[in-house]
Amino acid sequence: MEKRDKLYIGLFNDYYGALLTEYQRGLIDMYYNKDMSLGEIAQVHDISPQGVSDALKRAERTLTEAEGKLKLVEKSDKLRKILRQISACGDEEIERLAQKAIDVLDS
């Protein structure tokens, strides 16, 4: 998986992680956030690396399908770009409000 894809799985997990089981969320966290190898995760869960890989693929598919249907990550990226353009227009009050909206998206 490319570095860009890993970044997107992390973002998708932020938005749609509640759709995963606790076990899947834990695997995603270990693999993507803690940068653990399949072998290290397999030892923690006392399963094979292939079992970890299969479970990660199912979790990734769930997250990717959710984004494919809801497009929340895509929409928030577009909104951030528009808000940055608005905040660059020169009006201090508009800049302040645009930044406030960006902060909401980033929280």
PDB file of N, CA and C in Angstrom:
ATOM      1  N   MET A   1       0.838  -1.176   0.000  1.00  0.00           N
ATOM      2  CA  MET A   1       0.000   0.000   0.000  1.00  0.00           C
ATOM      3  C   MET A   1       0.885   1.242   0.000  1.00  0.00           C
ATOM      4  N   GLU A   2       0.539   2.193  -0.815  1.00  0.00           N
ATOM      5  CA  GLU A   2       1.318   3.418  -0.909  1.00  0.00           C
ATOM      6  C   GLU A   2       1.135   4.286   0.325  1.00  0.00           C
ATOM      7  N   LYS A   3       2.103   5.154   0.540  1.00  0.00           N
ATOM      8  CA  LYS A   3       2.055   6.068   1.676  1.00  0.00           C
ATOM      9  C   LYS A   3       0.776   6.914   1.633  1.00  0.00           C
ATOM     10  N   ARG A   4       0.398   7.369   0.443  1.00  0.00           N
ATOM     11  CA  ARG A   4      -0.812   8.182   0.274  1.00  0.00           C
ATOM     12  C   ARG A   4      -2.052   7.395   0.709  1.00  0.00           C
ATOM     13  N   ASP A   5      -2.116   6.125   0.339  1.00  0.00           N
ATOM     14  CA  ASP A   5      -3.244   5.280   0.712  1.00  0.00           C
ATOM     15  C   ASP A   5      -3.315   5.117   2.225  1.00  0.00           C
ATOM     16  N   LYS A   6      -2.155   4.959   2.864  1.00  0.00           N
ATOM     17  CA  LYS A   6      -2.120   4.831   4.318  1.00  0.00           C
ATOM     18  C   LYS A   6      -2.646   6.088   4.984  1.00  0.00           C
ATOM     19  N   LEU A   7      -2.305   7.230   4.437  1.00  0.00           N
ATOM     20  CA  LEU A   7      -2.805   8.494   4.970  1.00  0.00           C
ATOM     21  C   LEU A   7      -4.333   8.525   4.888  1.00  0.00           C
ATOM     22  N   TYR A   8      -4.866   8.114   3.744  1.00  0.00           N
ATOM     23  CA  TYR A   8      -6.312   8.135   3.577  1.00  0.00           C
ATOM     24  C   TYR A   8      -7.012   7.138   4.497  1.00  0.00           C
ATOM     25  N   ILE A   9      -6.434   5.977   4.710  1.00  0.00           N
ATOM     26  CA  ILE A   9      -7.052   5.026   5.642  1.00  0.00           C
ATOM     27  C   ILE A   9      -7.099   5.662   7.031  1.00  0.00           C
ATOM     28  N   GLY A  10      -6.052   6.360   7.423  1.00  0.00           N
ATOM     29  CA  GLY A  10      -6.053   7.065   8.708  1.00  0.00           C
ATOM     30  C   GLY A  10      -7.159   8.097   8.782  1.00  0.00           C
ATOM     31  N   LEU A  11      -7.337   8.867   7.712  1.00  0.00           N
ATOM     32  CA  LEU A  11      -8.418   9.850   7.678  1.00  0.00           C
ATOM     33  C   LEU A  11      -9.785   9.178   7.697  1.00  0.00           C
ATOM     34  N   PHE A  12      -9.929   8.148   6.887  1.00  0.00           N
ATOM     35  CA  PHE A  12     -11.204   7.428   6.854  1.00  0.00           C
ATOM     36  C   PHE A  12     -11.522   6.865   8.232  1.00  0.00           C
ATOM     37  N   ASN A  13     -10.497   6.381   8.939  1.00  0.00           N
ATOM     38  CA  ASN A  13     -10.705   5.844  10.284  1.00  0.00           C
ATOM     39  C   ASN A  13     -11.181   6.937  11.235  1.00  0.00           C
ATOM     40  N   ASP A  14     -10.639   8.152  11.093  1.00  0.00           N
ATOM     41  CA  ASP A  14     -11.094   9.266  11.925  1.00  0.00           C
ATOM     42  C   ASP A  14     -12.575   9.540  11.711  1.00  0.00           C
ATOM     43  N   TYR A  15     -13.019   9.454  10.484  1.00  0.00           N
ATOM     44  CA  TYR A  15     -14.412   9.752  10.157  1.00  0.00           C
ATOM     45  C   TYR A  15     -15.351   8.569  10.389  1.00  0.00           C
ATOM     46  N   TYR A  16     -14.919   7.382  10.025  1.00  0.00           N
ATOM     47  CA  TYR A  16     -15.821   6.222   9.993  1.00  0.00           C
ATOM     48  C   TYR A  16     -15.434   5.091  10.934  1.00  0.00           C
ATOM     49  N   GLY A  17     -14.463   5.323  11.801  1.00  0.00           N
ATOM     50  CA  GLY A  17     -13.987   4.263  12.690  1.00  0.00           C
ATOM     51  C   GLY A  17     -15.080   3.625  13.532  1.00  0.00           C
ATOM     52  N   ALA A  18     -16.114   4.371  13.834  1.00  0.00           N
ATOM     53  CA  ALA A  18     -17.214   3.831  14.644  1.00  0.00           C
ATOM     54  C   ALA A  18     -17.953   2.705  13.923  1.00  0.00           C
ATOM     55  N   LEU A  19     -17.768   2.594  12.619  1.00  0.00           N
ATOM     56  CA  LEU A  19     -18.401   1.513  11.860  1.00  0.00           C
ATOM     57  C   LEU A  19     -17.666   0.187  12.018  1.00  0.00           C
ATOM     58  N   LEU A  20     -16.448   0.243  12.536  1.00  0.00           N
ATOM     59  CA  LEU A  20     -15.635  -0.959  12.720  1.00  0.00           C
ATOM     60  C   LEU A  20     -15.896  -1.567  14.088  1.00  0.00           C
ATOM     61  N   THR A  21     -15.553  -2.845  14.204  1.00  0.00           N
ATOM     62  CA  THR A  21     -15.607  -3.481  15.519  1.00  0.00           C
ATOM     63  C   THR A  21     -14.447  -2.950  16.356  1.00  0.00           C
ATOM     64  N   GLU A  22     -14.514  -3.143  17.640  1.00  0.00           N
ATOM     65  CA  GLU A  22     -13.423  -2.716  18.522  1.00  0.00           C
ATOM     66  C   GLU A  22     -12.115  -3.400  18.112  1.00  0.00           C
ATOM     67  N   TYR A  23     -12.202  -4.666  17.758  1.00  0.00           N
ATOM     68  CA  TYR A  23     -11.034  -5.435  17.318  1.00  0.00           C
ATOM     69  C   TYR A  23     -10.426  -4.800  16.064  1.00  0.00           C
ATOM     70  N   GLN A  24     -11.257  -4.472  15.073  1.00  0.00           N
ATOM     71  CA  GLN A  24     -10.767  -3.864  13.844  1.00  0.00           C
ATOM     72  C   GLN A  24     -10.144  -2.492  14.114  1.00  0.00           C
ATOM     73  N   ARG A  25     -10.780  -1.702  14.967  1.00  0.00           N
ATOM     74  CA  ARG A  25     -10.222  -0.395  15.314  1.00  0.00           C
ATOM     75  C   ARG A  25      -8.844  -0.554  15.949  1.00  0.00           C
ATOM     76  N   GLY A  26      -8.705  -1.570  16.796  1.00  0.00           N
ATOM     77  CA  GLY A  26      -7.415  -1.837  17.427  1.00  0.00           C
ATOM     78  C   GLY A  26      -6.348  -2.209  16.408  1.00  0.00           C
ATOM     79  N   LEU A  27      -6.714  -3.032  15.436  1.00  0.00           N
ATOM     80  CA  LEU A  27      -5.764  -3.422  14.388  1.00  0.00           C
ATOM     81  C   LEU A  27      -5.353  -2.209  13.557  1.00  0.00           C
ATOM     82  N   ILE A  28      -6.324  -1.393  13.177  1.00  0.00           N
ATOM     83  CA  ILE A  28      -6.030  -0.182  12.402  1.00  0.00           C
ATOM     84  C   ILE A  28      -5.095   0.726  13.199  1.00  0.00           C
ATOM     85  N   ASP A  29      -5.366   0.879  14.483  1.00  0.00           N
ATOM     86  CA  ASP A  29      -4.534   1.725  15.335  1.00  0.00           C
ATOM     87  C   ASP A  29      -3.099   1.197  15.398  1.00  0.00           C
ATOM     88  N   MET A  30      -2.959  -0.094  15.615  1.00  0.00           N
ATOM     89  CA  MET A  30      -1.621  -0.673  15.727  1.00  0.00           C
ATOM     90  C   MET A  30      -0.849  -0.565  14.421  1.00  0.00           C
ATOM     91  N   TYR A  31      -1.530  -0.835  13.320  1.00  0.00           N
ATOM     92  CA  TYR A  31      -0.842  -0.867  12.028  1.00  0.00           C
ATOM     93  C   TYR A  31      -0.562   0.536  11.488  1.00  0.00           C
ATOM     94  N   TYR A  32      -1.550   1.406  11.537  1.00  0.00           N
ATOM     95  CA  TYR A  32      -1.405   2.724  10.919  1.00  0.00           C
ATOM     96  C   TYR A  32      -0.877   3.794  11.868  1.00  0.00           C
ATOM     97  N   ASN A  33      -1.320   3.785  13.110  1.00  0.00           N
ATOM     98  CA  ASN A  33      -0.899   4.840  14.036  1.00  0.00           C
ATOM     99  C   ASN A  33       0.383   4.488  14.788  1.00  0.00           C
ATOM    100  N   LYS A  34       0.498   3.229  15.189  1.00  0.00           N
ATOM    101  CA  LYS A  34       1.672   2.812  15.955  1.00  0.00           C
ATOM    102  C   LYS A  34       2.747   2.184  15.080  1.00  0.00           C
ATOM    103  N   ASP A  35       2.447   2.041  13.785  1.00  0.00           N
ATOM    104  CA  ASP A  35       3.401   1.533  12.797  1.00  0.00           C
ATOM    105  C   ASP A  35       3.964   0.158  13.168  1.00  0.00           C
ATOM    106  N   MET A  36       3.102  -0.693  13.709  1.00  0.00           N
ATOM    107  CA  MET A  36       3.520  -2.056  14.042  1.00  0.00           C
ATOM    108  C   MET A  36       3.433  -2.931  12.794  1.00  0.00           C
ATOM    109  N   SER A  37       4.301  -3.909  12.713  1.00  0.00           N
ATOM    110  CA  SER A  37       4.285  -4.834  11.577  1.00  0.00           C
ATOM    111  C   SER A  37       3.173  -5.864  11.773  1.00  0.00           C
ATOM    112  N   LEU A  38       2.860  -6.569  10.687  1.00  0.00           N
ATOM    113  CA  LEU A  38       1.845  -7.629  10.776  1.00  0.00           C
ATOM    114  C   LEU A  38       2.273  -8.692  11.785  1.00  0.00           C
ATOM    115  N   GLY A  39       3.570  -9.013  11.789  1.00  0.00           N
ATOM    116  CA  GLY A  39       4.092 -10.005  12.722  1.00  0.00           C
ATOM    117  C   GLY A  39       3.952  -9.567  14.167  1.00  0.00           C
ATOM    118  N   GLU A  40       4.232  -8.298  14.437  1.00  0.00           N
ATOM    119  CA  GLU A  40       4.105  -7.781  15.811  1.00  0.00           C
ATOM    120  C   GLU A  40       2.641  -7.810  16.267  1.00  0.00           C
ATOM    121  N   ILE A  41       1.752  -7.416  15.374  1.00  0.00           N
ATOM    122  CA  ILE A  41       0.326  -7.426  15.719  1.00  0.00           C
ATOM    123  C   ILE A  41      -0.149  -8.857  15.928  1.00  0.00           C
ATOM    124  N   ALA A  42       0.338  -9.766  15.083  1.00  0.00           N
ATOM    125  CA  ALA A  42      -0.039 -11.177  15.193  1.00  0.00           C
ATOM    126  C   ALA A  42       0.368 -11.739  16.552  1.00  0.00           C
ATOM    127  N   GLN A  43       1.542 -11.356  17.040  1.00  0.00           N
ATOM    128  CA  GLN A  43       1.992 -11.828  18.357  1.00  0.00           C
ATOM    129  C   GLN A  43       1.089 -11.307  19.470  1.00  0.00           C
ATOM    130  N   VAL A  44       0.707 -10.046  19.369  1.00  0.00           N
ATOM    131  CA  VAL A  44      -0.166  -9.447  20.389  1.00  0.00           C
ATOM    132  C   VAL A  44      -1.495 -10.187  20.457  1.00  0.00           C
ATOM    133  N   HIS A  45      -2.045 -10.536  19.301  1.00  0.00           N
ATOM    134  CA  HIS A  45      -3.372 -11.157  19.241  1.00  0.00           C
ATOM    135  C   HIS A  45      -3.316 -12.683  19.137  1.00  0.00           C
ATOM    136  N   ASP A  46      -2.111 -13.237  19.140  1.00  0.00           N
ATOM    137  CA  ASP A  46      -1.929 -14.684  19.063  1.00  0.00           C
ATOM    138  C   ASP A  46      -2.642 -15.292  17.853  1.00  0.00           C
ATOM    139  N   ILE A  47      -2.446 -14.632  16.699  1.00  0.00           N
ATOM    140  CA  ILE A  47      -2.958 -15.146  15.432  1.00  0.00           C
ATOM    141  C   ILE A  47      -1.839 -15.061  14.407  1.00  0.00           C
ATOM    142  N   SER A  48      -2.087 -15.558  13.214  1.00  0.00           N
ATOM    143  CA  SER A  48      -1.059 -15.516  12.168  1.00  0.00           C
ATOM    144  C   SER A  48      -1.000 -14.133  11.535  1.00  0.00           C
ATOM    145  N   PRO A  49       0.155 -13.794  10.972  1.00  0.00           N
ATOM    146  CA  PRO A  49       0.243 -12.527  10.228  1.00  0.00           C
ATOM    147  C   PRO A  49      -0.780 -12.456   9.093  1.00  0.00           C
ATOM    148  N   GLN A  50      -1.063 -13.608   8.474  1.00  0.00           N
ATOM    149  CA  GLN A  50      -2.075 -13.635   7.408  1.00  0.00           C
ATOM    150  C   GLN A  50      -3.453 -13.300   7.968  1.00  0.00           C
ATOM    151  N   GLY A  51      -3.741 -13.766   9.180  1.00  0.00           N
ATOM    152  CA  GLY A  51      -5.018 -13.433   9.827  1.00  0.00           C
ATOM    153  C   GLY A  51      -5.129 -11.934  10.084  1.00  0.00           C
ATOM    154  N   VAL A  52      -4.025 -11.337  10.504  1.00  0.00           N
ATOM    155  CA  VAL A  52      -4.002  -9.888  10.723  1.00  0.00           C
ATOM    156  C   VAL A  52      -4.228  -9.173   9.396  1.00  0.00           C
ATOM    157  N   SER A  53      -3.528  -9.616   8.360  1.00  0.00           N
ATOM    158  CA  SER A  53      -3.658  -8.995   7.046  1.00  0.00           C
ATOM    159  C   SER A  53      -5.097  -9.069   6.545  1.00  0.00           C
ATOM    160  N   ASP A  54      -5.714 -10.230   6.675  1.00  0.00           N
ATOM    161  CA  ASP A  54      -7.106 -10.403   6.231  1.00  0.00           C
ATOM    162  C   ASP A  54      -8.048  -9.485   6.997  1.00  0.00           C
ATOM    163  N   ALA A  55      -7.875  -9.395   8.309  1.00  0.00           N
ATOM    164  CA  ALA A  55      -8.730  -8.546   9.135  1.00  0.00           C
ATOM    165  C   ALA A  55      -8.530  -7.073   8.791  1.00  0.00           C
ATOM    166  N   LEU A  56      -7.280  -6.671   8.561  1.00  0.00           N
ATOM    167  CA  LEU A  56      -7.001  -5.289   8.160  1.00  0.00           C
ATOM    168  C   LEU A  56      -7.654  -4.968   6.821  1.00  0.00           C
ATOM    169  N   LYS A  57      -7.579  -5.901   5.878  1.00  0.00           N
ATOM    170  CA  LYS A  57      -8.185  -5.670   4.564  1.00  0.00           C
ATOM    171  C   LYS A  57      -9.691  -5.497   4.679  1.00  0.00           C
ATOM    172  N   ARG A  58     -10.329  -6.288   5.542  1.00  0.00           N
ATOM    173  CA  ARG A  58     -11.777  -6.137   5.744  1.00  0.00           C
ATOM    174  C   ARG A  58     -12.097  -4.775   6.349  1.00  0.00           C
ATOM    175  N   ALA A  59     -11.313  -4.369   7.332  1.00  0.00           N
ATOM    176  CA  ALA A  59     -11.527  -3.062   7.970  1.00  0.00           C
ATOM    177  C   ALA A  59     -11.294  -1.933   6.963  1.00  0.00           C
ATOM    178  N   GLU A  60     -10.227  -2.027   6.191  1.00  0.00           N
ATOM    179  CA  GLU A  60      -9.929  -1.018   5.172  1.00  0.00           C
ATOM    180  C   GLU A  60     -11.057  -0.936   4.154  1.00  0.00           C
ATOM    181  N   ARG A  61     -11.576  -2.084   3.755  1.00  0.00           N
ATOM    182  CA  ARG A  61     -12.679  -2.111   2.791  1.00  0.00           C
ATOM    183  C   ARG A  61     -13.915  -1.426   3.361  1.00  0.00           C
ATOM    184  N   THR A  62     -14.215  -1.681   4.638  1.00  0.00           N
ATOM    185  CA  THR A  62     -15.360  -1.034   5.284  1.00  0.00           C
ATOM    186  C   THR A  62     -15.193   0.483   5.286  1.00  0.00           C
ATOM    187  N   LEU A  63     -13.999   0.950   5.648  1.00  0.00           N
ATOM    188  CA  LEU A  63     -13.734   2.393   5.691  1.00  0.00           C
ATOM    189  C   LEU A  63     -13.798   3.013   4.298  1.00  0.00           C
ATOM    190  N   THR A  64     -13.208   2.339   3.320  1.00  0.00           N
ATOM    191  CA  THR A  64     -13.182   2.842   1.946  1.00  0.00           C
ATOM    192  C   THR A  64     -14.588   2.879   1.348  1.00  0.00           C
ATOM    193  N   GLU A  65     -15.386   1.855   1.631  1.00  0.00           N
ATOM    194  CA  GLU A  65     -16.766   1.828   1.128  1.00  0.00           C
ATOM    195  C   GLU A  65     -17.598   2.944   1.760  1.00  0.00           C
ATOM    196  N   ALA A  66     -17.385   3.199   3.042  1.00  0.00           N
ATOM    197  CA  ALA A  66     -18.116   4.280   3.707  1.00  0.00           C
ATOM    198  C   ALA A  66     -17.774   5.618   3.057  1.00  0.00           C
ATOM    199  N   GLU A  67     -16.498   5.858   2.799  1.00  0.00           N
ATOM    200  CA  GLU A  67     -16.106   7.107   2.135  1.00  0.00           C
ATOM    201  C   GLU A  67     -16.675   7.161   0.720  1.00  0.00           C
ATOM    202  N   GLY A  68     -16.685   6.022   0.040  1.00  0.00           N
ATOM    203  CA  GLY A  68     -17.237   5.978  -1.318  1.00  0.00           C
ATOM    204  C   GLY A  68     -18.700   6.368  -1.358  1.00  0.00           C
ATOM    205  N   LYS A  69     -19.437   6.033  -0.320  1.00  0.00           N
ATOM    206  CA  LYS A  69     -20.871   6.357  -0.267  1.00  0.00           C
ATOM    207  C   LYS A  69     -21.131   7.745   0.302  1.00  0.00           C
ATOM    208  N   LEU A  70     -20.427   8.108   1.368  1.00  0.00           N
ATOM    209  CA  LEU A  70     -20.729   9.355   2.078  1.00  0.00           C
ATOM    210  C   LEU A  70     -19.849  10.531   1.663  1.00  0.00           C
ATOM    211  N   LYS A  71     -18.629  10.242   1.260  1.00  0.00           N
ATOM    212  CA  LYS A  71     -17.668  11.249   0.786  1.00  0.00           C
ATOM    213  C   LYS A  71     -17.431  12.385   1.784  1.00  0.00           C
ATOM    214  N   LEU A  72     -17.434  12.088   3.059  1.00  0.00           N
ATOM    215  CA  LEU A  72     -17.213  13.122   4.074  1.00  0.00           C
ATOM    216  C   LEU A  72     -15.796  13.673   4.042  1.00  0.00           C
ATOM    217  N   VAL A  73     -14.814  12.823   3.823  1.00  0.00           N
ATOM    218  CA  VAL A  73     -13.425  13.281   3.754  1.00  0.00           C
ATOM    219  C   VAL A  73     -13.241  14.179   2.533  1.00  0.00           C
ATOM    220  N   GLU A  74     -13.764  13.740   1.409  1.00  0.00           N
ATOM    221  CA  GLU A  74     -13.661  14.531   0.180  1.00  0.00           C
ATOM    222  C   GLU A  74     -14.345  15.896   0.344  1.00  0.00           C
ATOM    223  N   LYS A  75     -15.542  15.902   0.917  1.00  0.00           N
ATOM    224  CA  LYS A  75     -16.277  17.152   1.106  1.00  0.00           C
ATOM    225  C   LYS A  75     -15.566  18.086   2.077  1.00  0.00           C
ATOM    226  N   SER A  76     -15.021  17.549   3.147  1.00  0.00           N
ATOM    227  CA  SER A  76     -14.339  18.422   4.106  1.00  0.00           C
ATOM    228  C   SER A  76     -13.063  19.001   3.503  1.00  0.00           C
ATOM    229  N   ASP A  77     -12.361  18.240   2.661  1.00  0.00           N
ATOM    230  CA  ASP A  77     -11.184  18.770   1.968  1.00  0.00           C
ATOM    231  C   ASP A  77     -11.578  19.929   1.049  1.00  0.00           C
ATOM    232  N   LYS A  78     -12.668  19.763   0.319  1.00  0.00           N
ATOM    233  CA  LYS A  78     -13.135  20.821  -0.572  1.00  0.00           C
ATOM    234  C   LYS A  78     -13.551  22.058   0.221  1.00  0.00           C
ATOM    235  N   LEU A  79     -14.235  21.847   1.326  1.00  0.00           N
ATOM    236  CA  LEU A  79     -14.639  22.983   2.166  1.00  0.00           C
ATOM    237  C   LEU A  79     -13.439  23.734   2.719  1.00  0.00           C
ATOM    238  N   ARG A  80     -12.412  23.008   3.157  1.00  0.00           N
ATOM    239  CA  ARG A  80     -11.198  23.656   3.659  1.00  0.00           C
ATOM    240  C   ARG A  80     -10.561  24.549   2.594  1.00  0.00           C
ATOM    241  N   LYS A  81     -10.489  24.048   1.370  1.00  0.00           N
ATOM    242  CA  LYS A  81      -9.905  24.828   0.279  1.00  0.00           C
ATOM    243  C   LYS A  81     -10.715  26.102   0.019  1.00  0.00           C
ATOM    244  N   ILE A  82     -12.020  25.966  -0.012  1.00  0.00           N
ATOM    245  CA  ILE A  82     -12.880  27.135  -0.235  1.00  0.00           C
ATOM    246  C   ILE A  82     -12.732  28.133   0.905  1.00  0.00           C
ATOM    247  N   LEU A  83     -12.708  27.643   2.124  1.00  0.00           N
ATOM    248  CA  LEU A  83     -12.570  28.535   3.279  1.00  0.00           C
ATOM    249  C   LEU A  83     -11.228  29.256   3.280  1.00  0.00           C
ATOM    250  N   ARG A  84     -10.175  28.583   2.844  1.00  0.00           N
ATOM    251  CA  ARG A  84      -8.865  29.239   2.751  1.00  0.00           C
ATOM    252  C   ARG A  84      -8.889  30.353   1.697  1.00  0.00           C
ATOM    253  N   GLN A  85      -9.587  30.105   0.591  1.00  0.00           N
ATOM    254  CA  GLN A  85      -9.722  31.137  -0.429  1.00  0.00           C
ATOM    255  C   GLN A  85     -10.515  32.325   0.110  1.00  0.00           C
ATOM    256  N   ILE A  86     -11.575  32.044   0.837  1.00  0.00           N
ATOM    257  CA  ILE A  86     -12.389  33.108   1.422  1.00  0.00           C
ATOM    258  C   ILE A  86     -11.565  33.902   2.427  1.00  0.00           C
ATOM    259  N   SER A  87     -10.792  33.201   3.241  1.00  0.00           N
ATOM    260  CA  SER A  87     -10.028  33.903   4.279  1.00  0.00           C
ATOM    261  C   SER A  87      -8.920  34.778   3.689  1.00  0.00           C
ATOM    262  N   ALA A  88      -8.562  34.534   2.448  1.00  0.00           N
ATOM    263  CA  ALA A  88      -7.520  35.333   1.801  1.00  0.00           C
ATOM    264  C   ALA A  88      -8.082  36.566   1.086  1.00  0.00           C
ATOM    265  N   CYS A  89      -9.363  36.830   1.229  1.00  0.00           N
ATOM    266  CA  CYS A  89      -9.985  37.926   0.479  1.00  0.00           C
ATOM    267  C   CYS A  89      -9.649  39.305   1.033  1.00  0.00           C
ATOM    268  N   GLY A  90      -9.148  39.383   2.266  1.00  0.00           N
ATOM    269  CA  GLY A  90      -8.707  40.666   2.786  1.00  0.00           C
ATOM    270  C   GLY A  90      -9.581  41.282   3.861  1.00  0.00           C
ATOM    271  N   ASP A  91     -10.797  40.816   4.024  1.00  0.00           N
ATOM    272  CA  ASP A  91     -11.687  41.346   5.059  1.00  0.00           C
ATOM    273  C   ASP A  91     -11.407  40.608   6.364  1.00  0.00           C
ATOM    274  N   GLU A  92     -11.048  41.335   7.411  1.00  0.00           N
ATOM    275  CA  GLU A  92     -10.642  40.712   8.679  1.00  0.00           C
ATOM    276  C   GLU A  92     -11.747  39.871   9.309  1.00  0.00           C
ATOM    277  N   GLU A  93     -12.967  40.363   9.283  1.00  0.00           N
ATOM    278  CA  GLU A  93     -14.085  39.624   9.886  1.00  0.00           C
ATOM    279  C   GLU A  93     -14.351  38.332   9.112  1.00  0.00           C
ATOM    280  N   ILE A  94     -14.312  38.409   7.790  1.00  0.00           N
ATOM    281  CA  ILE A  94     -14.509  37.215   6.967  1.00  0.00           C
ATOM    282  C   ILE A  94     -13.362  36.228   7.203  1.00  0.00           C
ATOM    283  N   GLU A  95     -12.144  36.733   7.285  1.00  0.00           N
ATOM    284  CA  GLU A  95     -10.992  35.871   7.560  1.00  0.00           C
ATOM    285  C   GLU A  95     -11.158  35.159   8.900  1.00  0.00           C
ATOM    286  N   ARG A  96     -11.615  35.889   9.910  1.00  0.00           N
ATOM    287  CA  ARG A  96     -11.802  35.310  11.245  1.00  0.00           C
ATOM    288  C   ARG A  96     -12.859  34.205  11.212  1.00  0.00           C
ATOM    289  N   LEU A  97     -13.974  34.470  10.542  1.00  0.00           N
ATOM    290  CA  LEU A  97     -15.051  33.480  10.461  1.00  0.00           C
ATOM    291  C   LEU A  97     -14.630  32.259   9.636  1.00  0.00           C
ATOM    292  N   ALA A  98     -13.913  32.492   8.553  1.00  0.00           N
ATOM    293  CA  ALA A  98     -13.435  31.372   7.739  1.00  0.00           C
ATOM    294  C   ALA A  98     -12.477  30.504   8.542  1.00  0.00           C
ATOM    295  N   GLN A  99     -11.592  31.134   9.304  1.00  0.00           N
ATOM    296  CA  GLN A  99     -10.654  30.374  10.133  1.00  0.00           C
ATOM    297  C   GLN A  99     -11.399  29.592  11.209  1.00  0.00           C
ATOM    298  N   LYS A 100     -12.434  30.186  11.747  1.00  0.00           N
ATOM    299  CA  LYS A 100     -13.251  29.504  12.757  1.00  0.00           C
ATOM    300  C   LYS A 100     -13.896  28.249  12.158  1.00  0.00           C
ATOM    301  N   ALA A 101     -14.385  28.365  10.917  1.00  0.00           N
ATOM    302  CA  ALA A 101     -14.983  27.213  10.237  1.00  0.00           C
ATOM    303  C   ALA A 101     -13.935  26.145   9.957  1.00  0.00           C
ATOM    304  N   ILE A 102     -12.735  26.532   9.554  1.00  0.00           N
ATOM    305  CA  ILE A 102     -11.649  25.571   9.317  1.00  0.00           C
ATOM    306  C   ILE A 102     -11.314  24.852  10.619  1.00  0.00           C
ATOM    307  N   ASP A 103     -11.270  25.599  11.721  1.00  0.00           N
ATOM    308  CA  ASP A 103     -10.982  24.992  13.025  1.00  0.00           C
ATOM    309  C   ASP A 103     -12.030  23.945  13.388  1.00  0.00           C
ATOM    310  N   VAL A 104     -13.284  24.213  13.062  1.00  0.00           N
ATOM    311  CA  VAL A 104     -14.350  23.231  13.325  1.00  0.00           C
ATOM    312  C   VAL A 104     -14.119  21.976  12.503  1.00  0.00           C
ATOM    313  N   LEU A 105     -13.773  22.136  11.242  1.00  0.00           N
ATOM    314  CA  LEU A 105     -13.494  20.979  10.393  1.00  0.00           C
ATOM    315  C   LEU A 105     -12.296  20.175  10.888  1.00  0.00           C
ATOM    316  N   ASP A 106     -11.312  20.868  11.444  1.00  0.00           N
ATOM    317  CA  ASP A 106     -10.093  20.198  11.886  1.00  0.00           C
ATOM    318  C   ASP A 106     -10.223  19.550  13.263  1.00  0.00           C
ATOM    319  N   SER A 107     -11.284  19.873  13.986  1.00  0.00           N
ATOM    320  CA  SER A 107     -11.423  19.305  15.343  1.00  0.00           C
ATOM    321  C   SER A 107     -12.100  17.959  15.340  1.00  0.00           C
TER     322      SER A 107
END
